[in-house]
Amino acid sequence: MNKLISVVAVVVGTAAALPASAQITSGGIAQNKAECQAQFRVSDLNGDNFLTPREISLFRGSMPTELSGREVIHRQDFISACYATLPQDD
């Protein structure tokens, strides 16, 4: 029974995140700071400010490449890496 509840929670959490992730442009690559923030919020399913291996695997397409290979990603590390990939203003 507990396993069924866990599976349902994952499915519901993922389904709830999909509409928000659809708002992010350019195939998952952030174009501005607001999109970086949104990508992290969508990816952090349990809201603990860390991306776990499960969260990372679900949202791998929106992860900054420099974070690939990490087991856990803290919010600030994600935001810093994402900001570093943004187009620079002239």
PDB file of N, CA and C in Angstrom:
ATOM      1  N   MET A   1       0.818  -1.189   0.000  1.00  0.00           N
ATOM      2  CA  MET A   1       0.000   0.000   0.000  1.00  0.00           C
ATOM      3  C   MET A   1       0.867   1.260   0.000  1.00  0.00           C
ATOM      4  N   ASN A   2       1.911   1.289   0.852  1.00  0.00           N
ATOM      5  CA  ASN A   2       2.803   2.454   0.897  1.00  0.00           C
ATOM      6  C   ASN A   2       3.503   2.671  -0.437  1.00  0.00           C
ATOM      7  N   LYS A   3       3.861   1.558  -1.106  1.00  0.00           N
ATOM      8  CA  LYS A   3       4.520   1.668  -2.397  1.00  0.00           C
ATOM      9  C   LYS A   3       3.575   2.303  -3.424  1.00  0.00           C
ATOM     10  N   LEU A   4       2.313   1.921  -3.385  1.00  0.00           N
ATOM     11  CA  LEU A   4       1.317   2.488  -4.295  1.00  0.00           C
ATOM     12  C   LEU A   4       1.152   3.977  -4.045  1.00  0.00           C
ATOM     13  N   ILE A   5       1.106   4.371  -2.794  1.00  0.00           N
ATOM     14  CA  ILE A   5       0.976   5.789  -2.443  1.00  0.00           C
ATOM     15  C   ILE A   5       2.185   6.563  -2.952  1.00  0.00           C
ATOM     16  N   SER A   6       3.385   6.001  -2.816  1.00  0.00           N
ATOM     17  CA  SER A   6       4.599   6.664  -3.301  1.00  0.00           C
ATOM     18  C   SER A   6       4.562   6.837  -4.808  1.00  0.00           C
ATOM     19  N   VAL A   7       4.133   5.803  -5.517  1.00  0.00           N
ATOM     20  CA  VAL A   7       4.060   5.880  -6.981  1.00  0.00           C
ATOM     21  C   VAL A   7       3.050   6.940  -7.399  1.00  0.00           C
ATOM     22  N   VAL A   8       1.907   6.960  -6.754  1.00  0.00           N
ATOM     23  CA  VAL A   8       0.882   7.953  -7.069  1.00  0.00           C
ATOM     24  C   VAL A   8       1.410   9.359  -6.801  1.00  0.00           C
ATOM     25  N   ALA A   9       2.127   9.552  -5.699  1.00  0.00           N
ATOM     26  CA  ALA A   9       2.675  10.867  -5.361  1.00  0.00           C
ATOM     27  C   ALA A   9       3.670  11.335  -6.425  1.00  0.00           C
ATOM     28  N   VAL A  10       4.507  10.439  -6.917  1.00  0.00           N
ATOM     29  CA  VAL A  10       5.480  10.793  -7.957  1.00  0.00           C
ATOM     30  C   VAL A  10       4.754  11.176  -9.243  1.00  0.00           C
ATOM     31  N   VAL A  11       3.768  10.393  -9.624  1.00  0.00           N
ATOM     32  CA  VAL A  11       3.022  10.671 -10.854  1.00  0.00           C
ATOM     33  C   VAL A  11       2.299  12.014 -10.754  1.00  0.00           C
ATOM     34  N   VAL A  12       1.647  12.256  -9.631  1.00  0.00           N
ATOM     35  CA  VAL A  12       0.920  13.508  -9.446  1.00  0.00           C
ATOM     36  C   VAL A  12       1.890  14.689  -9.428  1.00  0.00           C
ATOM     37  N   GLY A  13       3.001  14.552  -8.724  1.00  0.00           N
ATOM     38  CA  GLY A  13       3.994  15.627  -8.659  1.00  0.00           C
ATOM     39  C   GLY A  13       4.585  15.943 -10.021  1.00  0.00           C
ATOM     40  N   THR A  14       4.884  14.910 -10.788  1.00  0.00           N
ATOM     41  CA  THR A  14       5.430  15.106 -12.125  1.00  0.00           C
ATOM     42  C   THR A  14       4.399  15.747 -13.039  1.00  0.00           C
ATOM     43  N   ALA A  15       3.168  15.269 -12.975  1.00  0.00           N
ATOM     44  CA  ALA A  15       2.103  15.829 -13.810  1.00  0.00           C
ATOM     45  C   ALA A  15       1.852  17.293 -13.466  1.00  0.00           C
ATOM     46  N   ALA A  16       1.924  17.620 -12.191  1.00  0.00           N
ATOM     47  CA  ALA A  16       1.708  19.011 -11.772  1.00  0.00           C
ATOM     48  C   ALA A  16       2.829  19.911 -12.267  1.00  0.00           C
ATOM     49  N   ALA A  17       4.027  19.380 -12.378  1.00  0.00           N
ATOM     50  CA  ALA A  17       5.171  20.173 -12.814  1.00  0.00           C
ATOM     51  C   ALA A  17       5.190  20.394 -14.320  1.00  0.00           C
ATOM     52  N   LEU A  18       4.568  19.532 -15.087  1.00  0.00           N
ATOM     53  CA  LEU A  18       4.632  19.627 -16.540  1.00  0.00           C
ATOM     54  C   LEU A  18       4.090  20.937 -17.098  1.00  0.00           C
ATOM     55  N   PRO A  19       2.942  21.440 -16.661  1.00  0.00           N
ATOM     56  CA  PRO A  19       2.489  22.711 -17.222  1.00  0.00           C
ATOM     57  C   PRO A  19       3.473  23.852 -16.973  1.00  0.00           C
ATOM     58  N   ALA A  20       4.096  23.878 -15.812  1.00  0.00           N
ATOM     59  CA  ALA A  20       5.067  24.934 -15.518  1.00  0.00           C
ATOM     60  C   ALA A  20       6.303  24.788 -16.389  1.00  0.00           C
ATOM     61  N   SER A  21       6.754  23.557 -16.616  1.00  0.00           N
ATOM     62  CA  SER A  21       7.946  23.366 -17.439  1.00  0.00           C
ATOM     63  C   SER A  21       7.668  23.706 -18.885  1.00  0.00           C
ATOM     64  N   ALA A  22       6.427  23.597 -19.311  1.00  0.00           N
ATOM     65  CA  ALA A  22       6.078  23.935 -20.683  1.00  0.00           C
ATOM     66  C   ALA A  22       6.223  25.429 -20.944  1.00  0.00           C
ATOM     67  N   GLN A  23       6.233  26.248 -19.896  1.00  0.00           N
ATOM     68  CA  GLN A  23       6.359  27.693 -20.056  1.00  0.00           C
ATOM     69  C   GLN A  23       7.799  28.123 -20.314  1.00  0.00           C
ATOM     70  N   ILE A  24       8.742  27.238 -20.062  1.00  0.00           N
ATOM     71  CA  ILE A  24      10.151  27.565 -20.239  1.00  0.00           C
ATOM     72  C   ILE A  24      10.494  27.420 -21.715  1.00  0.00           C
ATOM     73  N   THR A  25      11.163  28.417 -22.272  1.00  0.00           N
ATOM     74  CA  THR A  25      11.403  28.461 -23.709  1.00  0.00           C
ATOM     75  C   THR A  25      12.672  27.728 -24.093  1.00  0.00           C
ATOM     76  N   SER A  26      12.931  27.654 -25.376  1.00  0.00           N
ATOM     77  CA  SER A  26      14.182  27.158 -25.966  1.00  0.00           C
ATOM     78  C   SER A  26      14.545  25.749 -25.549  1.00  0.00           C
ATOM     79  N   GLY A  27      13.587  24.843 -25.544  1.00  0.00           N
ATOM     80  CA  GLY A  27      13.900  23.450 -25.278  1.00  0.00           C
ATOM     81  C   GLY A  27      14.475  23.202 -23.908  1.00  0.00           C
ATOM     82  N   GLY A  28      14.069  23.956 -22.903  1.00  0.00           N
ATOM     83  CA  GLY A  28      14.532  23.737 -21.543  1.00  0.00           C
ATOM     84  C   GLY A  28      15.704  24.605 -21.130  1.00  0.00           C
ATOM     85  N   ILE A  29      16.265  25.376 -22.049  1.00  0.00           N
ATOM     86  CA  ILE A  29      17.393  26.233 -21.709  1.00  0.00           C
ATOM     87  C   ILE A  29      16.856  27.619 -21.342  1.00  0.00           C
ATOM     88  N   ALA A  30      17.190  28.078 -20.156  1.00  0.00           N
ATOM     89  CA  ALA A  30      16.691  29.364 -19.673  1.00  0.00           C
ATOM     90  C   ALA A  30      17.244  30.517 -20.504  1.00  0.00           C
ATOM     91  N   GLN A  31      16.408  31.519 -20.726  1.00  0.00           N
ATOM     92  CA  GLN A  31      16.799  32.710 -21.469  1.00  0.00           C
ATOM     93  C   GLN A  31      16.933  33.941 -20.576  1.00  0.00           C
ATOM     94  N   ASN A  32      16.498  33.829 -19.311  1.00  0.00           N
ATOM     95  CA  ASN A  32      16.603  34.959 -18.384  1.00  0.00           C
ATOM     96  C   ASN A  32      16.575  34.431 -16.946  1.00  0.00           C
ATOM     97  N   LYS A  33      16.804  35.332 -15.995  1.00  0.00           N
ATOM     98  CA  LYS A  33      16.889  34.928 -14.591  1.00  0.00           C
ATOM     99  C   LYS A  33      15.580  34.349 -14.075  1.00  0.00           C
ATOM    100  N   ALA A  34      14.457  34.883 -14.532  1.00  0.00           N
ATOM    101  CA  ALA A  34      13.159  34.354 -14.097  1.00  0.00           C
ATOM    102  C   ALA A  34      12.991  32.909 -14.539  1.00  0.00           C
ATOM    103  N   GLU A  35      13.454  32.588 -15.737  1.00  0.00           N
ATOM    104  CA  GLU A  35      13.357  31.211 -16.211  1.00  0.00           C
ATOM    105  C   GLU A  35      14.281  30.287 -15.425  1.00  0.00           C
ATOM    106  N   CYS A  36      15.448  30.777 -15.012  1.00  0.00           N
ATOM    107  CA  CYS A  36      16.335  29.970 -14.155  1.00  0.00           C
ATOM    108  C   CYS A  36      15.616  29.615 -12.852  1.00  0.00           C
ATOM    109  N   GLN A  37      14.994  30.618 -12.240  1.00  0.00           N
ATOM    110  CA  GLN A  37      14.265  30.403 -10.993  1.00  0.00           C
ATOM    111  C   GLN A  37      13.125  29.408 -11.214  1.00  0.00           C
ATOM    112  N   ALA A  38      12.388  29.569 -12.313  1.00  0.00           N
ATOM    113  CA  ALA A  38      11.259  28.686 -12.617  1.00  0.00           C
ATOM    114  C   ALA A  38      11.728  27.258 -12.853  1.00  0.00           C
ATOM    115  N   GLN A  39      12.841  27.092 -13.543  1.00  0.00           N
ATOM    116  CA  GLN A  39      13.360  25.750 -13.790  1.00  0.00           C
ATOM    117  C   GLN A  39      13.683  25.043 -12.480  1.00  0.00           C
ATOM    118  N   PHE A  40      14.285  25.764 -11.544  1.00  0.00           N
ATOM    119  CA  PHE A  40      14.594  25.111 -10.276  1.00  0.00           C
ATOM    120  C   PHE A  40      13.316  24.751  -9.531  1.00  0.00           C
ATOM    121  N   ARG A  41      12.368  25.675  -9.468  1.00  0.00           N
ATOM    122  CA  ARG A  41      11.105  25.401  -8.760  1.00  0.00           C
ATOM    123  C   ARG A  41      10.398  24.183  -9.334  1.00  0.00           C
ATOM    124  N   VAL A  42      10.364  24.084 -10.645  1.00  0.00           N
ATOM    125  CA  VAL A  42       9.706  22.948 -11.297  1.00  0.00           C
ATOM    126  C   VAL A  42      10.449  21.652 -10.992  1.00  0.00           C
ATOM    127  N   SER A  43      11.761  21.708 -10.998  1.00  0.00           N
ATOM    128  CA  SER A  43      12.568  20.505 -10.788  1.00  0.00           C
ATOM    129  C   SER A  43      12.566  20.026  -9.346  1.00  0.00           C
ATOM    130  N   ASP A  44      12.453  20.925  -8.388  1.00  0.00           N
ATOM    131  CA  ASP A  44      12.502  20.585  -6.961  1.00  0.00           C
ATOM    132  C   ASP A  44      11.111  20.146  -6.497  1.00  0.00           C
ATOM    133  N   LEU A  45      10.774  18.911  -6.809  1.00  0.00           N
ATOM    134  CA  LEU A  45       9.419  18.408  -6.568  1.00  0.00           C
ATOM    135  C   LEU A  45       8.987  18.471  -5.111  1.00  0.00           C
ATOM    136  N   ASN A  46       9.920  18.238  -4.184  1.00  0.00           N
ATOM    137  CA  ASN A  46       9.527  18.238  -2.768  1.00  0.00           C
ATOM    138  C   ASN A  46       9.818  19.562  -2.070  1.00  0.00           C
ATOM    139  N   GLY A  47      10.353  20.540  -2.790  1.00  0.00           N
ATOM    140  CA  GLY A  47      10.544  21.878  -2.235  1.00  0.00           C
ATOM    141  C   GLY A  47      11.585  21.990  -1.138  1.00  0.00           C
ATOM    142  N   ASP A  48      12.587  21.102  -1.140  1.00  0.00           N
ATOM    143  CA  ASP A  48      13.591  21.136  -0.075  1.00  0.00           C
ATOM    144  C   ASP A  48      14.852  21.924  -0.432  1.00  0.00           C
ATOM    145  N   ASN A  49      14.862  22.599  -1.593  1.00  0.00           N
ATOM    146  CA  ASN A  49      16.006  23.386  -2.076  1.00  0.00           C
ATOM    147  C   ASN A  49      17.202  22.551  -2.496  1.00  0.00           C
ATOM    148  N   PHE A  50      16.992  21.254  -2.679  1.00  0.00           N
ATOM    149  CA  PHE A  50      18.000  20.345  -3.205  1.00  0.00           C
ATOM    150  C   PHE A  50      17.365  19.512  -4.301  1.00  0.00           C
ATOM    151  N   LEU A  51      18.125  19.239  -5.358  1.00  0.00           N
ATOM    152  CA  LEU A  51      17.659  18.310  -6.373  1.00  0.00           C
ATOM    153  C   LEU A  51      18.306  16.963  -6.100  1.00  0.00           C
ATOM    154  N   THR A  52      17.477  15.971  -5.871  1.00  0.00           N
ATOM    155  CA  THR A  52      17.929  14.612  -5.592  1.00  0.00           C
ATOM    156  C   THR A  52      18.180  13.889  -6.911  1.00  0.00           C
ATOM    157  N   PRO A  53      18.806  12.714  -6.873  1.00  0.00           N
ATOM    158  CA  PRO A  53      19.023  11.970  -8.117  1.00  0.00           C
ATOM    159  C   PRO A  53      17.733  11.736  -8.915  1.00  0.00           C
ATOM    160  N   ARG A  54      16.642  11.472  -8.249  1.00  0.00           N
ATOM    161  CA  ARG A  54      15.370  11.250  -8.948  1.00  0.00           C
ATOM    162  C   ARG A  54      14.910  12.531  -9.640  1.00  0.00           C
ATOM    163  N   GLU A  55      14.985  13.653  -8.947  1.00  0.00           N
ATOM    164  CA  GLU A  55      14.582  14.934  -9.536  1.00  0.00           C
ATOM    165  C   GLU A  55      15.505  15.308 -10.693  1.00  0.00           C
ATOM    166  N   ILE A  56      16.785  15.059 -10.525  1.00  0.00           N
ATOM    167  CA  ILE A  56      17.755  15.359 -11.578  1.00  0.00           C
ATOM    168  C   ILE A  56      17.446  14.537 -12.822  1.00  0.00           C
ATOM    169  N   SER A  57      17.148  13.261 -12.635  1.00  0.00           N
ATOM    170  CA  SER A  57      16.874  12.417 -13.806  1.00  0.00           C
ATOM    171  C   SER A  57      15.572  12.809 -14.498  1.00  0.00           C
ATOM    172  N   LEU A  58      14.578  13.244 -13.744  1.00  0.00           N
ATOM    173  CA  LEU A  58      13.306  13.648 -14.343  1.00  0.00           C
ATOM    174  C   LEU A  58      13.428  14.927 -15.169  1.00  0.00           C
ATOM    175  N   PHE A  59      14.318  15.824 -14.761  1.00  0.00           N
ATOM    176  CA  PHE A  59      14.414  17.134 -15.388  1.00  0.00           C
ATOM    177  C   PHE A  59      15.800  17.401 -15.975  1.00  0.00           C
ATOM    178  N   ARG A  60      16.466  16.338 -16.394  1.00  0.00           N
ATOM    179  CA  ARG A  60      17.835  16.448 -16.910  1.00  0.00           C
ATOM    180  C   ARG A  60      17.948  17.473 -18.051  1.00  0.00           C
ATOM    181  N   GLY A  61      16.940  17.603 -18.877  1.00  0.00           N
ATOM    182  CA  GLY A  61      16.989  18.520 -20.012  1.00  0.00           C
ATOM    183  C   GLY A  61      17.048  19.985 -19.632  1.00  0.00           C
ATOM    184  N   SER A  62      16.694  20.305 -18.394  1.00  0.00           N
ATOM    185  CA  SER A  62      16.741  21.709 -17.980  1.00  0.00           C
ATOM    186  C   SER A  62      17.894  21.987 -17.012  1.00  0.00           C
ATOM    187  N   MET A  63      18.800  21.031 -16.867  1.00  0.00           N
ATOM    188  CA  MET A  63      19.942  21.216 -15.974  1.00  0.00           C
ATOM    189  C   MET A  63      21.088  21.897 -16.707  1.00  0.00           C
ATOM    190  N   PRO A  64      21.732  22.871 -16.089  1.00  0.00           N
ATOM    191  CA  PRO A  64      22.960  23.416 -16.682  1.00  0.00           C
ATOM    192  C   PRO A  64      23.991  22.292 -16.832  1.00  0.00           C
ATOM    193  N   THR A  65      24.644  22.220 -17.971  1.00  0.00           N
ATOM    194  CA  THR A  65      25.543  21.097 -18.259  1.00  0.00           C
ATOM    195  C   THR A  65      26.693  20.982 -17.259  1.00  0.00           C
ATOM    196  N   GLU A  66      27.127  22.080 -16.693  1.00  0.00           N
ATOM    197  CA  GLU A  66      28.246  21.994 -15.746  1.00  0.00           C
ATOM    198  C   GLU A  66      27.879  21.236 -14.464  1.00  0.00           C
ATOM    199  N   LEU A  67      26.587  21.004 -14.246  1.00  0.00           N
ATOM    200  CA  LEU A  67      26.142  20.271 -13.058  1.00  0.00           C
ATOM    201  C   LEU A  67      25.942  18.790 -13.332  1.00  0.00           C
ATOM    202  N   SER A  68      26.154  18.369 -14.571  1.00  0.00           N
ATOM    203  CA  SER A  68      25.949  16.960 -14.894  1.00  0.00           C
ATOM    204  C   SER A  68      26.940  16.102 -14.107  1.00  0.00           C
ATOM    205  N   GLY A  69      26.473  14.973 -13.702  1.00  0.00           N
ATOM    206  CA  GLY A  69      27.300  14.054 -12.926  1.00  0.00           C
ATOM    207  C   GLY A  69      27.188  14.232 -11.424  1.00  0.00           C
ATOM    208  N   ARG A  70      26.540  15.281 -10.975  1.00  0.00           N
ATOM    209  CA  ARG A  70      26.370  15.480  -9.532  1.00  0.00           C
ATOM    210  C   ARG A  70      25.254  14.597  -9.003  1.00  0.00           C
ATOM    211  N   GLU A  71      25.425  14.133  -7.800  1.00  0.00           N
ATOM    212  CA  GLU A  71      24.410  13.307  -7.129  1.00  0.00           C
ATOM    213  C   GLU A  71      23.272  14.168  -6.592  1.00  0.00           C
ATOM    214  N   VAL A  72      23.631  15.320  -6.026  1.00  0.00           N
ATOM    215  CA  VAL A  72      22.665  16.240  -5.430  1.00  0.00           C
ATOM    216  C   VAL A  72      23.071  17.650  -5.848  1.00  0.00           C
ATOM    217  N   ILE A  73      22.070  18.482  -6.136  1.00  0.00           N
ATOM    218  CA  ILE A  73      22.347  19.855  -6.552  1.00  0.00           C
ATOM    219  C   ILE A  73      21.581  20.806  -5.631  1.00  0.00           C
ATOM    220  N   HIS A  74      22.302  21.688  -4.958  1.00  0.00           N
ATOM    221  CA  HIS A  74      21.684  22.697  -4.100  1.00  0.00           C
ATOM    222  C   HIS A  74      21.121  23.819  -4.976  1.00  0.00           C
ATOM    223  N   ARG A  75      20.084  24.459  -4.506  1.00  0.00           N
ATOM    224  CA  ARG A  75      19.420  25.530  -5.246  1.00  0.00           C
ATOM    225  C   ARG A  75      20.405  26.601  -5.708  1.00  0.00           C
ATOM    226  N   GLN A  76      21.249  27.074  -4.811  1.00  0.00           N
ATOM    227  CA  GLN A  76      22.170  28.154  -5.164  1.00  0.00           C
ATOM    228  C   GLN A  76      23.149  27.718  -6.247  1.00  0.00           C
ATOM    229  N   ASP A  77      23.604  26.469  -6.202  1.00  0.00           N
ATOM    230  CA  ASP A  77      24.502  25.975  -7.249  1.00  0.00           C
ATOM    231  C   ASP A  77      23.795  25.956  -8.602  1.00  0.00           C
ATOM    232  N   PHE A  78      22.535  25.511  -8.597  1.00  0.00           N
ATOM    233  CA  PHE A  78      21.755  25.474  -9.836  1.00  0.00           C
ATOM    234  C   PHE A  78      21.571  26.892 -10.388  1.00  0.00           C
ATOM    235  N   ILE A  79      21.159  27.814  -9.523  1.00  0.00           N
ATOM    236  CA  ILE A  79      20.888  29.186  -9.960  1.00  0.00           C
ATOM    237  C   ILE A  79      22.174  29.839 -10.484  1.00  0.00           C
ATOM    238  N   SER A  80      23.277  29.671  -9.790  1.00  0.00           N
ATOM    239  CA  SER A  80      24.550  30.256 -10.238  1.00  0.00           C
ATOM    240  C   SER A  80      24.955  29.710 -11.602  1.00  0.00           C
ATOM    241  N   ALA A  81      24.854  28.387 -11.763  1.00  0.00           N
ATOM    242  CA  ALA A  81      25.223  27.769 -13.037  1.00  0.00           C
ATOM    243  C   ALA A  81      24.287  28.215 -14.147  1.00  0.00           C
ATOM    244  N   CYS A  82      23.010  28.330 -13.848  1.00  0.00           N
ATOM    245  CA  CYS A  82      22.030  28.763 -14.839  1.00  0.00           C
ATOM    246  C   CYS A  82      22.280  30.212 -15.252  1.00  0.00           C
ATOM    247  N   TYR A  83      22.503  31.081 -14.292  1.00  0.00           N
ATOM    248  CA  TYR A  83      22.775  32.497 -14.600  1.00  0.00           C
ATOM    249  C   TYR A  83      24.007  32.630 -15.485  1.00  0.00           C
ATOM    250  N   ALA A  84      25.007  31.770 -15.261  1.00  0.00           N
ATOM    251  CA  ALA A  84      26.248  31.839 -16.034  1.00  0.00           C
ATOM    252  C   ALA A  84      26.023  31.495 -17.516  1.00  0.00           C
ATOM    253  N   THR A  85      24.933  30.793 -17.819  1.00  0.00           N
ATOM    254  CA  THR A  85      24.659  30.406 -19.205  1.00  0.00           C
ATOM    255  C   THR A  85      23.781  31.416 -19.937  1.00  0.00           C
ATOM    256  N   LEU A  86      23.286  32.425 -19.238  1.00  0.00           N
ATOM    257  CA  LEU A  86      22.370  33.384 -19.859  1.00  0.00           C
ATOM    258  C   LEU A  86      23.106  34.275 -20.856  1.00  0.00           C
ATOM    259  N   PRO A  87      22.387  34.697 -21.894  1.00  0.00           N
ATOM    260  CA  PRO A  87      22.997  35.649 -22.836  1.00  0.00           C
ATOM    261  C   PRO A  87      23.429  36.912 -22.094  1.00  0.00           C
ATOM    262  N   GLN A  88      24.581  37.420 -22.420  1.00  0.00           N
ATOM    263  CA  GLN A  88      25.104  38.624 -21.766  1.00  0.00           C
ATOM    264  C   GLN A  88      24.541  39.879 -22.439  1.00  0.00           C
ATOM    265  N   ASP A  89      24.148  40.831 -21.615  1.00  0.00           N
ATOM    266  CA  ASP A  89      23.698  42.125 -22.144  1.00  0.00           C
ATOM    267  C   ASP A  89      24.901  42.915 -22.611  1.00  0.00           C
ATOM    268  N   ASP A  90      24.731  43.628 -23.714  1.00  0.00           N
ATOM    269  CA  ASP A  90      25.847  44.450 -24.233  1.00  0.00           C
ATOM    270  C   ASP A  90      25.935  45.751 -23.499  1.00  0.00           C
TER     271      ASP A  90
END
